[in-house]
C-alpha atoms as a PDB file:
ATOM      1  CA  MET A   1       0.000   0.000   0.000  1.00  0.00           C
ATOM      2  CA  LEU A   2       1.308   3.433  -0.897  1.00  0.00           C
ATOM      3  CA  HIS A   3       1.122   5.877   2.002  1.00  0.00           C
ATOM      4  CA  HIS A   4       2.253   9.098   0.318  1.00  0.00           C
ATOM      5  CA  VAL A   5       4.020  10.715  -2.576  1.00  0.00           C
ATOM      6  CA  SER A   6       6.081  13.896  -2.155  1.00  0.00           C
ATOM      7  CA  LEU A   7       6.299  16.587  -4.822  1.00  0.00           C
ATOM      8  CA  GLU A   8       8.736  19.484  -4.808  1.00  0.00           C
ATOM      9  CA  ILE A   9       6.995  22.685  -5.841  1.00  0.00           C
ATOM     10  CA  ASP A  10       7.781  26.368  -5.986  1.00  0.00           C
ATOM     11  CA  PRO A  11       6.281  28.114  -2.929  1.00  0.00           C
ATOM     12  CA  ALA A  12       4.288  30.394  -5.259  1.00  0.00           C
ATOM     13  CA  ASP A  13       2.479  27.310  -6.643  1.00  0.00           C
ATOM     14  CA  GLY A  14       1.313  25.915  -3.297  1.00  0.00           C
ATOM     15  CA  GLU A  15      -2.233  27.270  -3.353  1.00  0.00           C
ATOM     16  CA  ARG A  16      -2.823  26.367  -6.993  1.00  0.00           C
ATOM     17  CA  LEU A  17      -1.620  22.797  -6.593  1.00  0.00           C
ATOM     18  CA  GLY A  18      -3.746  22.519  -3.457  1.00  0.00           C
ATOM     19  CA  GLU A  19      -6.726  23.594  -5.578  1.00  0.00           C
ATOM     20  CA  LEU A  20      -5.960  20.860  -8.115  1.00  0.00           C
ATOM     21  CA  LEU A  21      -5.710  18.234  -5.386  1.00  0.00           C
ATOM     22  CA  GLY A  22      -9.045  19.403  -3.976  1.00  0.00           C
ATOM     23  CA  LEU A  23     -10.673  18.946  -7.362  1.00  0.00           C
ATOM     24  CA  ILE A  24      -9.590  15.304  -7.428  1.00  0.00           C
ATOM     25  CA  GLY A  25     -10.920  14.637  -3.941  1.00  0.00           C
ATOM     26  CA  PHE A  26      -8.037  15.395  -1.571  1.00  0.00           C
ATOM     27  CA  GLU A  27      -8.529  17.339   1.661  1.00  0.00           C
ATOM     28  CA  PRO A  28      -5.905  19.454   3.460  1.00  0.00           C
ATOM     29  CA  LEU A  29      -4.278  17.621   6.350  1.00  0.00           C
ATOM     30  CA  PRO A  30      -2.281  19.271   9.149  1.00  0.00           C
ATOM     31  CA  ALA A  31       1.425  18.498   8.794  1.00  0.00           C
ATOM     32  CA  PRO A  32       3.557  18.005  11.905  1.00  0.00           C
ATOM     33  CA  GLU A  33       4.490  21.385  13.389  1.00  0.00           C
ATOM     34  CA  VAL A  34       8.169  20.443  13.388  1.00  0.00           C
ATOM     35  CA  LEU A  35       8.098  20.703   9.561  1.00  0.00           C
ATOM     36  CA  GLY A  36       7.063  24.352   9.720  1.00  0.00           C
ATOM     37  CA  ASP A  37       5.644  26.203   6.740  1.00  0.00           C
ATOM     38  CA  ALA A  38       7.738  24.351   4.155  1.00  0.00           C
ATOM     39  CA  VAL A  39       5.150  21.640   3.508  1.00  0.00           C
ATOM     40  CA  ARG A  40       1.477  21.192   2.669  1.00  0.00           C
ATOM     41  CA  TRP A  41      -0.187  17.815   3.174  1.00  0.00           C
ATOM     42  CA  TYR A  42      -3.351  16.460   1.541  1.00  0.00           C
ATOM     43  CA  GLU A  43      -5.178  13.158   2.008  1.00  0.00           C
ATOM     44  CA  ARG A  44      -7.862  11.061   0.335  1.00  0.00           C
ATOM     45  CA  GLU A  45      -8.935   7.653   1.608  1.00  0.00           C
ATOM     46  CA  GLY A  46      -5.654   7.073   3.453  1.00  0.00           C
ATOM     47  CA  THR A  47      -3.352   8.140   0.621  1.00  0.00           C
ATOM     48  CA  GLN A  48      -1.425  11.360   1.097  1.00  0.00           C
ATOM     49  CA  VAL A  49       0.296  13.888  -1.153  1.00  0.00           C
ATOM     50  CA  HIS A  50       3.016  15.925   0.539  1.00  0.00           C
ATOM     51  CA  LEU A  51       3.960  19.170  -1.176  1.00  0.00           C
ATOM     52  CA  ILE A  52       7.481  20.334  -0.376  1.00  0.00           C
ATOM     53  CA  LEU A  53       7.739  24.085  -0.910  1.00  0.00           C
ATOM     54  CA  THR A  54      11.223  24.953  -2.141  1.00  0.00           C
ATOM     55  CA  GLU A  55      12.764  27.560  -4.425  1.00  0.00           C
ATOM     56  CA  ALA A  56      14.871  24.730  -5.897  1.00  0.00           C
ATOM     57  CA  ALA A  57      11.854  22.631  -6.957  1.00  0.00           C
ATOM     58  CA  THR A  58      12.335  20.049  -9.683  1.00  0.00           C
ATOM     59  CA  ALA A  59       9.785  17.960 -11.563  1.00  0.00           C
ATOM     60  CA  PRO A  60      10.462  14.727 -13.458  1.00  0.00           C
ATOM     61  CA  VAL A  61      10.099  14.797 -17.225  1.00  0.00           C
ATOM     62  CA  LEU A  62       8.257  11.477 -17.555  1.00  0.00           C
ATOM     63  CA  GLY A  63       7.649  10.313 -14.000  1.00  0.00           C
ATOM     64  CA  HIS A  64       4.260  11.137 -12.501  1.00  0.00           C
ATOM     65  CA  ALA A  65       1.732  10.202  -9.855  1.00  0.00           C
ATOM     66  CA  ALA A  66      -1.525   8.586 -10.990  1.00  0.00           C
ATOM     67  CA  PHE A  67      -4.866   9.015  -9.230  1.00  0.00           C
ATOM     68  CA  VAL A  68      -8.240   7.364  -9.721  1.00  0.00           C
ATOM     69  CA  ALA A  69     -10.715  10.205 -10.304  1.00  0.00           C
ATOM     70  CA  PRO A  70     -13.865   9.927  -8.141  1.00  0.00           C
ATOM     71  CA  ASP A  71     -16.081  10.794 -11.143  1.00  0.00           C
ATOM     72  CA  PHE A  72     -13.833  10.835 -14.199  1.00  0.00           C
ATOM     73  CA  GLU A  73     -15.941  12.984 -16.539  1.00  0.00           C
ATOM     74  CA  ALA A  74     -16.929  15.515 -13.865  1.00  0.00           C
ATOM     75  CA  THR A  75     -13.352  15.700 -12.570  1.00  0.00           C
ATOM     76  CA  LEU A  76     -11.934  16.469 -16.023  1.00  0.00           C
ATOM     77  CA  ALA A  77     -14.595  19.135 -16.554  1.00  0.00           C
ATOM     78  CA  ALA A  78     -13.928  20.715 -13.143  1.00  0.00           C
ATOM     79  CA  LEU A  79     -10.179  20.819 -13.805  1.00  0.00           C
ATOM     80  CA  ALA A  80     -10.689  22.407 -17.232  1.00  0.00           C
ATOM     81  CA  ASP A  81     -13.168  24.922 -15.782  1.00  0.00           C
ATOM     82  CA  ALA A  82     -10.566  25.853 -13.156  1.00  0.00           C
ATOM     83  CA  GLY A  83      -8.051  26.588 -15.921  1.00  0.00           C
ATOM     84  CA  PHE A  84      -5.914  23.462 -15.708  1.00  0.00           C
ATOM     85  CA  GLU A  85      -4.548  21.989 -18.940  1.00  0.00           C
ATOM     86  CA  VAL A  86      -6.049  18.506 -19.353  1.00  0.00           C
ATOM     87  CA  HIS A  87      -5.188  16.028 -22.122  1.00  0.00           C
ATOM     88  CA  GLU A  88      -6.979  12.720 -22.568  1.00  0.00           C
ATOM     89  CA  ALA A  89      -4.633   9.779 -23.135  1.00  0.00           C
ATOM     90  CA  ARG A  90      -5.183   6.437 -24.815  1.00  0.00           C
ATOM     91  CA  GLU A  91      -7.184   3.896 -22.867  1.00  0.00           C
ATOM     92  CA  LEU A  92      -5.329   1.169 -21.059  1.00  0.00           C
ATOM     93  CA  TRP A  93      -6.999  -1.934 -19.565  1.00  0.00           C
ATOM     94  CA  GLY A  94     -10.273  -0.690 -21.094  1.00  0.00           C
ATOM     95  CA  GLU A  95     -10.494   2.452 -18.948  1.00  0.00           C
ATOM     96  CA  ARG A  96     -10.145   6.124 -19.808  1.00  0.00           C
ATOM     97  CA  ARG A  97      -7.098   8.119 -18.704  1.00  0.00           C
ATOM     98  CA  ALA A  98      -5.961  11.729 -18.881  1.00  0.00           C
ATOM     99  CA  PHE A  99      -2.999  13.864 -17.869  1.00  0.00           C
ATOM    100  CA  VAL A 100      -3.224  17.249 -16.210  1.00  0.00           C
ATOM    101  CA  LEU A 101      -0.374  19.741 -16.238  1.00  0.00           C
ATOM    102  CA  ALA A 102       0.063  20.726 -12.607  1.00  0.00           C
ATOM    103  CA  PRO A 103       1.910  23.729 -11.184  1.00  0.00           C
ATOM    104  CA  SER A 104       5.720  23.609 -10.970  1.00  0.00           C
ATOM    105  CA  GLY A 105       5.872  21.411 -14.076  1.00  0.00           C
ATOM    106  CA  HIS A 106       4.408  18.211 -12.646  1.00  0.00           C
ATOM    107  CA  ARG A 107       2.181  15.936 -14.720  1.00  0.00           C
ATOM    108  CA  MET A 108      -0.528  13.967 -12.959  1.00  0.00           C
ATOM    109  CA  GLU A 109      -2.355  11.042 -14.476  1.00  0.00           C
ATOM    110  CA  LEU A 110      -6.057  10.616 -13.818  1.00  0.00           C
ATOM    111  CA  MET A 111      -7.651   7.224 -14.311  1.00  0.00           C
ATOM    112  CA  GLU A 112     -11.299   6.272 -14.634  1.00  0.00           C
ATOM    113  CA  ALA A 113     -10.562   3.039 -12.752  1.00  0.00           C
ATOM    114  CA  PRO A 114      -7.436   1.173 -11.684  1.00  0.00           C
ATOM    115  CA  PRO A 115      -6.268  -1.943 -13.503  1.00  0.00           C
ATOM    116  CA  SER A 116      -8.033  -5.034 -12.240  1.00  0.00           C
END
């Protein structure tokens, strides 16, 4: 079971990436005080995304996190309405997929359903 994924992001992108995570069903989660203001944590159904706010943020070119969208069609529409760049990808295992360009150069995959 995956507990969390950490993404380095520019501090200026923290709110916007938090908005994106909210649109795919994640809720803000208090991070331990010892970590200070340099992190933002989000959680959905026991899986967490930890945003590390750093001026030296890097994003992988091909690597990405993939999330099952609670309601695929509505999620894609909500992301597009919020101004996020969304691109549908070819189906794999008979289910729809898409990629969203997230702040700080990250790509996130959205899946209609996980492989069975």
